[in-house]
Each structure stands twice: as C-alpha cells, then as structure tokens.
C-alpha cells in the first residue's frame, strides 16, 4: 500500500499569516478518541515550521516521518498519553528501520481556537529499549489489536 508523503505542493495551504500548512488527511476517531473525545476537527496538518524543527532537531527521524506519516497516523502500534493536554505520542515500527517512529500529535478541542487543526508537533526515533521503557512507565492509551 502506498501512503501519502509530505511533498512541497501537495495539499499545501498558506493561511493569512503566510504559515505554510500541509494537510495530512483526517484522523480515525476509533483510534484517536483515546487522546480526546472532545475534538472539533477531523483534519490533521503539519506546518512548514514543524517540518523544519524535525529536520533540524531530529534529522534521524525526518525522512521516515515525511515518507510514512500517513501509515503512522492510520495504523499506529501504540499511543501514549503526553504530559501536555489533548496530546498523544503516536508510535509505529517502520519495517525498514530498527527503531520506531514517534509523532507528537495535538488534538484540537472545544477549548481551543476553532480555526486550529489537529497537528503533528514533532517527531523522533525511539529504540526498542526506549519503547519498552515507555510501555513500563507511561500511560498506554491505545494498543493495536
């Protein structure tokens, strides 16, 4: 199965503040209600600024994140509760790598600005050892059946 990749020109929106936004499609609420069941938007986005952050701060994760973002969002292995409200750490083992990809995903709720969208905040790679540590010490709010 081929997944959508983030590419310049694909689903790109520039808002009134000239922030470049890449639409990543919609979220499956059968999976993501565990982060917040008070969501007000289905669409998930990533901004050019967040892509630059990943490229600069987590270069080891950038290529897989941009290439497999839909696969990660559509079929996560785990979601952990993040310390920030309405935010989950979405984890997926990518078959071409020994490490798992992790996305920090912010869900927009009725408490947020209604013009905001659900968004990928950052991404990084985690080792099997780190994943096992997360499984022991973090709140697992979703596990793939």
N, C-alpha and C. Protein backbone atom coordinates (compact mmCIF):
# COMPACT_ATOMS: atom_id res chain seq x y z
N UNK A 1 0.84 -1.18 0.00
CA UNK A 1 0.00 0.00 0.00
C UNK A 1 0.89 1.24 0.00
N UNK A 2 0.60 2.17 -0.87
CA UNK A 2 1.37 3.41 -0.94
C UNK A 2 0.67 4.47 -0.11
N UNK A 3 1.43 5.15 0.72
CA UNK A 3 0.89 6.18 1.59
C UNK A 3 1.27 7.55 1.08
N UNK A 4 0.44 8.52 1.44
CA UNK A 4 0.73 9.91 1.07
C UNK A 4 1.99 10.36 1.77
N UNK A 5 2.84 11.03 1.03
CA UNK A 5 4.04 11.62 1.59
C UNK A 5 3.85 13.12 1.62
N UNK A 6 4.54 13.76 2.54
CA UNK A 6 4.52 15.22 2.56
C UNK A 6 5.49 15.68 1.49
N UNK A 7 4.98 16.40 0.51
CA UNK A 7 5.82 16.95 -0.55
C UNK A 7 5.41 18.39 -0.78
N UNK A 8 6.35 19.19 -1.16
CA UNK A 8 6.04 20.58 -1.47
C UNK A 8 5.00 20.59 -2.59
N UNK A 9 3.92 21.31 -2.37
CA UNK A 9 2.87 21.41 -3.37
C UNK A 9 1.70 20.48 -3.14
N UNK A 10 1.86 19.46 -2.27
CA UNK A 10 0.77 18.53 -2.00
C UNK A 10 -0.08 19.04 -0.85
N UNK A 11 -1.33 19.35 -1.12
CA UNK A 11 -2.24 19.77 -0.06
C UNK A 11 -1.76 20.96 0.72
N UNK A 12 -0.98 21.82 0.09
CA UNK A 12 -0.39 22.95 0.80
C UNK A 12 -1.38 24.10 0.86
N UNK A 13 -1.48 24.67 2.03
CA UNK A 13 -2.34 25.82 2.26
C UNK A 13 -1.46 26.89 2.88
N UNK A 14 -1.60 28.12 2.45
CA UNK A 14 -0.93 29.23 3.13
C UNK A 14 -2.03 30.06 3.76
N UNK A 15 -1.99 30.19 5.08
CA UNK A 15 -3.04 30.97 5.74
C UNK A 15 -2.74 32.45 5.67
N UNK A 16 -3.60 33.24 6.31
CA UNK A 16 -3.46 34.70 6.23
C UNK A 16 -2.16 35.21 6.84
N UNK A 17 -1.54 34.41 7.69
CA UNK A 17 -0.25 34.81 8.28
C UNK A 17 0.92 34.24 7.48
N UNK A 18 0.63 33.70 6.29
CA UNK A 18 1.62 33.08 5.41
C UNK A 18 2.35 31.92 6.06
N UNK A 19 1.66 31.20 6.94
CA UNK A 19 2.20 29.97 7.50
C UNK A 19 1.85 28.85 6.53
N UNK A 20 2.85 28.13 6.05
CA UNK A 20 2.60 27.04 5.10
C UNK A 20 2.17 25.81 5.88
N UNK A 21 1.02 25.28 5.49
CA UNK A 21 0.40 24.15 6.18
C UNK A 21 0.21 23.01 5.19
N UNK A 22 0.64 21.81 5.57
CA UNK A 22 0.44 20.62 4.75
C UNK A 22 -0.68 19.79 5.37
N UNK A 23 -1.73 19.55 4.60
CA UNK A 23 -2.83 18.71 5.07
C UNK A 23 -2.40 17.25 4.97
N UNK A 24 -2.62 16.50 6.06
CA UNK A 24 -2.25 15.08 6.10
C UNK A 24 -3.47 14.17 6.04
N UNK A 25 -4.64 14.74 5.78
CA UNK A 25 -5.86 13.94 5.72
C UNK A 25 -6.64 14.05 7.01
N UNK A 26 -7.39 13.00 7.33
CA UNK A 26 -8.24 13.01 8.52
C UNK A 26 -7.84 11.88 9.47
N UNK A 27 -8.25 12.04 10.72
CA UNK A 27 -7.95 11.05 11.75
C UNK A 27 -9.12 10.08 11.91
N UNK A 28 -8.80 8.83 12.23
CA UNK A 28 -9.79 7.81 12.54
C UNK A 28 -10.10 7.90 14.03
N UNK A 29 -11.29 8.38 14.36
CA UNK A 29 -11.63 8.61 15.77
C UNK A 29 -11.84 7.33 16.55
N UNK A 30 -11.97 6.18 15.87
CA UNK A 30 -11.97 4.90 16.57
C UNK A 30 -10.61 4.67 17.25
N UNK A 31 -9.57 5.27 16.70
CA UNK A 31 -8.23 5.18 17.27
C UNK A 31 -7.95 6.37 18.19
N UNK A 32 -8.23 7.58 17.73
CA UNK A 32 -7.73 8.79 18.40
C UNK A 32 -8.65 9.37 19.47
N UNK A 33 -9.84 8.79 19.68
CA UNK A 33 -10.68 9.24 20.80
C UNK A 33 -9.98 9.05 22.14
N UNK A 34 -9.00 8.16 22.19
CA UNK A 34 -8.28 7.92 23.45
C UNK A 34 -7.48 9.15 23.89
N UNK A 35 -7.11 10.01 22.95
CA UNK A 35 -6.38 11.24 23.30
C UNK A 35 -7.38 12.28 23.79
N UNK A 36 -8.46 12.45 23.05
CA UNK A 36 -9.53 13.37 23.48
C UNK A 36 -10.79 13.04 22.70
N UNK A 37 -11.89 12.86 23.42
CA UNK A 37 -13.17 12.64 22.73
C UNK A 37 -13.94 13.94 22.59
N UNK A 38 -13.27 15.04 22.85
CA UNK A 38 -13.85 16.38 22.76
C UNK A 38 -13.31 17.14 21.53
N UNK A 39 -12.95 16.40 20.50
CA UNK A 39 -12.33 17.01 19.31
C UNK A 39 -13.35 17.80 18.50
N UNK A 40 -12.87 18.81 17.79
CA UNK A 40 -13.77 19.63 16.96
C UNK A 40 -13.35 19.63 15.49
N UNK A 41 -12.27 18.93 15.17
CA UNK A 41 -11.79 18.90 13.78
C UNK A 41 -11.37 17.47 13.45
N UNK A 42 -11.55 17.08 12.19
CA UNK A 42 -11.11 15.77 11.73
C UNK A 42 -9.75 15.83 11.04
N UNK A 43 -9.48 16.96 10.41
CA UNK A 43 -8.26 17.10 9.62
C UNK A 43 -7.03 17.18 10.52
N UNK A 44 -5.92 16.62 10.04
CA UNK A 44 -4.63 16.72 10.72
C UNK A 44 -3.64 17.37 9.76
N UNK A 45 -2.81 18.25 10.31
CA UNK A 45 -1.87 19.01 9.48
C UNK A 45 -0.48 18.98 10.10
N UNK A 46 0.49 19.40 9.30
CA UNK A 46 1.83 19.70 9.80
C UNK A 46 2.25 21.00 9.13
N UNK A 47 2.82 21.90 9.91
CA UNK A 47 3.25 23.18 9.34
C UNK A 47 4.68 23.06 8.83
N UNK A 48 5.03 23.96 7.94
CA UNK A 48 6.40 24.01 7.44
C UNK A 48 7.38 24.25 8.60
N UNK A 49 6.95 25.04 9.57
CA UNK A 49 7.79 25.32 10.75
C UNK A 49 8.07 24.04 11.53
N UNK A 50 7.06 23.19 11.71
CA UNK A 50 7.26 21.94 12.43
C UNK A 50 8.14 20.99 11.62
N UNK A 51 7.99 20.99 10.30
CA UNK A 51 8.86 20.17 9.46
C UNK A 51 10.31 20.62 9.59
N UNK A 52 10.54 21.93 9.63
CA UNK A 52 11.90 22.44 9.81
C UNK A 52 12.44 22.04 11.18
N UNK A 53 11.60 22.10 12.20
CA UNK A 53 12.01 21.69 13.54
C UNK A 53 12.48 20.23 13.53
N UNK A 54 11.69 19.35 12.92
CA UNK A 54 12.05 17.93 12.86
C UNK A 54 13.35 17.75 12.09
N UNK A 55 13.47 18.42 10.95
CA UNK A 55 14.67 18.31 10.12
C UNK A 55 15.91 18.77 10.88
N UNK A 56 15.79 19.86 11.65
CA UNK A 56 16.95 20.41 12.35
C UNK A 56 17.24 19.72 13.68
N UNK A 57 16.21 19.39 14.45
CA UNK A 57 16.41 18.85 15.79
C UNK A 57 16.41 17.32 15.84
N UNK A 58 15.75 16.68 14.87
CA UNK A 58 15.64 15.22 14.86
C UNK A 58 15.90 14.71 13.44
N UNK A 59 17.07 15.00 12.88
CA UNK A 59 17.30 14.65 11.47
C UNK A 59 17.18 13.15 11.19
N UNK A 60 17.46 12.33 12.19
CA UNK A 60 17.35 10.88 12.01
C UNK A 60 15.90 10.45 11.77
N UNK A 61 14.96 11.27 12.18
CA UNK A 61 13.54 10.93 12.04
C UNK A 61 12.89 11.59 10.84
N UNK A 62 13.53 12.58 10.26
CA UNK A 62 12.88 13.42 9.25
C UNK A 62 12.40 12.62 8.03
N UNK A 63 13.26 11.83 7.43
CA UNK A 63 12.89 11.14 6.19
C UNK A 63 11.74 10.16 6.43
N UNK A 64 11.85 9.33 7.47
CA UNK A 64 10.76 8.39 7.75
C UNK A 64 9.47 9.10 8.12
N UNK A 65 9.59 10.17 8.90
CA UNK A 65 8.38 10.91 9.28
C UNK A 65 7.67 11.45 8.05
N UNK A 66 8.41 12.08 7.17
CA UNK A 66 7.78 12.68 5.99
C UNK A 66 7.28 11.61 5.02
N UNK A 67 7.98 10.49 4.92
CA UNK A 67 7.59 9.45 3.97
C UNK A 67 6.43 8.59 4.49
N UNK A 68 6.45 8.27 5.78
CA UNK A 68 5.48 7.32 6.34
C UNK A 68 4.44 7.96 7.24
N UNK A 69 4.28 9.26 7.20
CA UNK A 69 3.39 9.94 8.14
C UNK A 69 1.96 9.39 8.09
N UNK A 70 1.43 9.12 6.91
CA UNK A 70 0.06 8.58 6.83
C UNK A 70 0.00 7.17 7.40
N UNK A 71 0.98 6.35 7.13
CA UNK A 71 1.00 4.99 7.68
C UNK A 71 1.05 5.04 9.21
N UNK A 72 1.87 5.93 9.74
CA UNK A 72 1.98 6.09 11.19
C UNK A 72 0.63 6.52 11.77
N UNK A 73 0.00 7.51 11.16
CA UNK A 73 -1.28 8.01 11.67
C UNK A 73 -2.43 7.02 11.45
N UNK A 74 -2.42 6.31 10.32
CA UNK A 74 -3.52 5.39 10.00
C UNK A 74 -3.46 4.09 10.79
N UNK A 75 -2.25 3.67 11.19
CA UNK A 75 -2.09 2.35 11.79
C UNK A 75 -1.03 2.35 12.89
N UNK A 76 -1.23 3.15 13.94
CA UNK A 76 -0.20 3.20 14.99
C UNK A 76 -0.15 1.89 15.78
N UNK A 77 1.03 1.59 16.31
CA UNK A 77 1.17 0.43 17.19
C UNK A 77 0.72 0.78 18.61
N UNK A 78 1.11 1.97 19.06
CA UNK A 78 0.77 2.44 20.41
C UNK A 78 0.50 3.94 20.38
N UNK A 79 -0.30 4.38 21.34
CA UNK A 79 -0.41 5.81 21.64
C UNK A 79 -0.24 5.94 23.15
N UNK A 80 0.68 6.82 23.55
CA UNK A 80 0.93 7.10 24.96
C UNK A 80 0.39 8.48 25.28
N UNK A 81 -0.11 8.63 26.52
CA UNK A 81 -0.56 9.95 26.96
C UNK A 81 0.66 10.84 27.14
N UNK A 82 0.60 12.05 26.62
CA UNK A 82 1.68 13.02 26.76
C UNK A 82 1.41 13.88 27.99
N UNK A 83 2.42 14.58 28.45
CA UNK A 83 2.25 15.46 29.61
C UNK A 83 1.43 16.70 29.28
N UNK A 84 1.33 17.05 28.00
CA UNK A 84 0.52 18.20 27.58
C UNK A 84 -0.92 17.75 27.33
N UNK A 85 -1.89 18.58 27.68
CA UNK A 85 -3.29 18.17 27.49
C UNK A 85 -3.64 17.93 26.02
N UNK A 86 -4.50 16.93 25.81
CA UNK A 86 -5.02 16.61 24.47
C UNK A 86 -3.91 16.30 23.47
N UNK A 87 -2.82 15.73 23.96
CA UNK A 87 -1.68 15.39 23.11
C UNK A 87 -1.29 13.94 23.36
N UNK A 88 -1.02 13.23 22.27
CA UNK A 88 -0.61 11.83 22.37
C UNK A 88 0.71 11.61 21.66
N UNK A 89 1.44 10.62 22.13
CA UNK A 89 2.68 10.19 21.48
C UNK A 89 2.33 8.95 20.67
N UNK A 90 2.30 9.10 19.36
CA UNK A 90 1.87 8.06 18.43
C UNK A 90 3.10 7.31 17.95
N UNK A 91 3.15 5.99 18.18
CA UNK A 91 4.34 5.19 17.87
C UNK A 91 4.01 4.12 16.85
N UNK A 92 4.90 3.99 15.87
CA UNK A 92 4.76 2.98 14.82
C UNK A 92 6.13 2.44 14.46
N UNK A 93 6.27 1.12 14.43
CA UNK A 93 7.51 0.48 13.97
C UNK A 93 7.48 0.47 12.45
N UNK A 94 8.46 1.13 11.84
CA UNK A 94 8.58 1.16 10.38
C UNK A 94 9.46 -0.02 9.98
N UNK A 95 9.00 -0.81 9.03
CA UNK A 95 9.66 -2.07 8.71
C UNK A 95 11.08 -1.92 8.17
N UNK A 96 11.43 -0.77 7.61
CA UNK A 96 12.77 -0.61 7.03
C UNK A 96 13.79 -0.10 8.05
N UNK A 97 13.43 -0.07 9.33
CA UNK A 97 14.29 0.53 10.33
C UNK A 97 14.22 -0.28 11.61
N UNK A 98 15.31 -0.28 12.38
CA UNK A 98 15.33 -0.98 13.66
C UNK A 98 14.61 -0.18 14.74
N UNK A 99 14.42 1.09 14.52
CA UNK A 99 13.78 1.94 15.52
C UNK A 99 12.33 2.21 15.14
N UNK A 100 11.57 2.66 16.12
CA UNK A 100 10.18 3.05 15.87
C UNK A 100 10.12 4.56 15.66
N UNK A 101 9.13 4.99 14.90
CA UNK A 101 8.89 6.42 14.70
C UNK A 101 7.85 6.88 15.70
N UNK A 102 8.07 8.04 16.29
CA UNK A 102 7.15 8.61 17.26
C UNK A 102 6.74 9.99 16.79
N UNK A 103 5.43 10.24 16.76
CA UNK A 103 4.88 11.56 16.43
C UNK A 103 4.19 12.11 17.67
N UNK A 104 4.42 13.37 17.98
CA UNK A 104 3.62 14.05 19.00
C UNK A 104 2.45 14.69 18.26
N UNK A 105 1.23 14.30 18.63
CA UNK A 105 0.02 14.73 17.93
C UNK A 105 -0.87 15.51 18.89
N UNK A 106 -1.19 16.74 18.54
CA UNK A 106 -2.07 17.61 19.34
C UNK A 106 -3.46 17.57 18.74
N UNK A 107 -4.44 17.22 19.58
CA UNK A 107 -5.85 17.18 19.17
C UNK A 107 -6.51 18.49 19.57
N UNK A 108 -7.20 19.12 18.64
CA UNK A 108 -7.89 20.38 18.90
C UNK A 108 -9.27 20.08 19.49
N UNK A 109 -9.57 20.75 20.61
CA UNK A 109 -10.84 20.53 21.31
C UNK A 109 -11.65 21.82 21.35
N UNK A 110 -12.83 21.73 21.93
CA UNK A 110 -13.69 22.92 22.03
C UNK A 110 -13.08 24.01 22.91
N UNK A 111 -12.06 23.69 23.68
CA UNK A 111 -11.36 24.70 24.49
C UNK A 111 -10.34 25.50 23.67
N UNK A 112 -10.03 25.04 22.45
CA UNK A 112 -9.02 25.68 21.60
C UNK A 112 -9.68 26.61 20.58
N UNK A 113 -8.86 27.37 19.89
CA UNK A 113 -9.31 28.23 18.80
C UNK A 113 -9.97 27.36 17.73
N UNK A 114 -11.20 27.69 17.34
CA UNK A 114 -11.94 26.86 16.37
C UNK A 114 -11.29 26.84 14.99
N UNK A 115 -10.39 27.76 14.71
CA UNK A 115 -9.71 27.79 13.41
C UNK A 115 -8.49 26.87 13.37
N UNK A 116 -8.09 26.33 14.51
CA UNK A 116 -6.92 25.45 14.55
C UNK A 116 -7.29 24.05 14.07
N UNK A 117 -6.28 23.29 13.69
CA UNK A 117 -6.46 21.91 13.25
C UNK A 117 -5.64 20.99 14.14
N UNK A 118 -6.00 19.71 14.16
CA UNK A 118 -5.16 18.71 14.81
C UNK A 118 -3.80 18.76 14.11
N UNK A 119 -2.72 18.65 14.87
CA UNK A 119 -1.43 18.82 14.20
C UNK A 119 -0.32 17.96 14.78
N UNK A 120 0.58 17.56 13.88
CA UNK A 120 1.82 16.89 14.27
C UNK A 120 2.75 17.98 14.77
N UNK A 121 3.17 17.86 16.02
CA UNK A 121 4.01 18.86 16.65
C UNK A 121 5.49 18.59 16.40
N UNK A 122 5.89 17.33 16.56
CA UNK A 122 7.28 16.95 16.33
C UNK A 122 7.34 15.45 16.10
N UNK A 123 8.53 14.95 15.84
CA UNK A 123 8.73 13.52 15.63
C UNK A 123 10.16 13.18 15.98
N UNK A 124 10.36 11.97 16.47
CA UNK A 124 11.71 11.48 16.70
C UNK A 124 11.69 9.97 16.63
N UNK A 125 12.86 9.35 16.65
CA UNK A 125 13.00 7.90 16.62
C UNK A 125 13.22 7.40 18.04
N UNK A 126 12.70 6.23 18.34
CA UNK A 126 12.97 5.62 19.64
C UNK A 126 13.43 4.17 19.43
N UNK A 127 14.36 3.76 20.26
CA UNK A 127 14.89 2.39 20.20
C UNK A 127 13.90 1.43 20.85
N UNK A 128 14.12 0.16 20.65
CA UNK A 128 13.30 -0.87 21.30
C UNK A 128 13.39 -0.74 22.82
N UNK A 129 14.58 -0.44 23.31
CA UNK A 129 14.78 -0.25 24.75
C UNK A 129 13.94 0.92 25.27
N UNK A 130 13.94 2.04 24.54
CA UNK A 130 13.14 3.20 24.95
C UNK A 130 11.65 2.88 24.87
N UNK A 131 11.24 2.17 23.81
CA UNK A 131 9.83 1.78 23.69
C UNK A 131 9.41 0.93 24.89
N UNK A 132 10.25 -0.03 25.27
CA UNK A 132 9.93 -0.87 26.43
C UNK A 132 9.86 -0.04 27.71
N UNK A 133 10.71 0.97 27.83
CA UNK A 133 10.66 1.89 28.96
C UNK A 133 9.33 2.65 28.97
N UNK A 134 8.90 3.13 27.80
CA UNK A 134 7.61 3.82 27.69
C UNK A 134 6.47 2.88 28.10
N UNK A 135 6.54 1.63 27.64
CA UNK A 135 5.48 0.67 27.96
C UNK A 135 5.39 0.42 29.47
N UNK A 136 6.52 0.47 30.16
CA UNK A 136 6.53 0.28 31.62
C UNK A 136 6.10 1.53 32.38
N UNK A 137 6.50 2.71 31.88
CA UNK A 137 6.39 3.92 32.70
C UNK A 137 5.40 4.97 32.22
N UNK A 138 4.90 4.85 31.03
CA UNK A 138 3.94 5.83 30.52
C UNK A 138 2.55 5.20 30.46
N UNK A 139 1.56 6.05 30.37
CA UNK A 139 0.18 5.62 30.27
C UNK A 139 -0.13 5.24 28.82
N UNK A 140 -0.28 3.92 28.56
CA UNK A 140 -0.63 3.43 27.23
C UNK A 140 -2.14 3.62 27.07
N UNK A 141 -2.53 4.50 26.13
CA UNK A 141 -3.96 4.76 25.95
C UNK A 141 -4.53 4.09 24.70
N UNK A 142 -3.64 3.52 23.87
CA UNK A 142 -4.08 2.76 22.70
C UNK A 142 -3.00 1.73 22.39
N UNK A 143 -3.44 0.51 22.09
CA UNK A 143 -2.53 -0.54 21.63
C UNK A 143 -3.23 -1.26 20.49
N UNK A 144 -2.51 -1.40 19.37
CA UNK A 144 -3.08 -2.07 18.20
C UNK A 144 -3.44 -3.51 18.58
N UNK A 145 -4.61 -3.93 18.16
CA UNK A 145 -5.08 -5.29 18.47
C UNK A 145 -4.30 -6.34 17.71
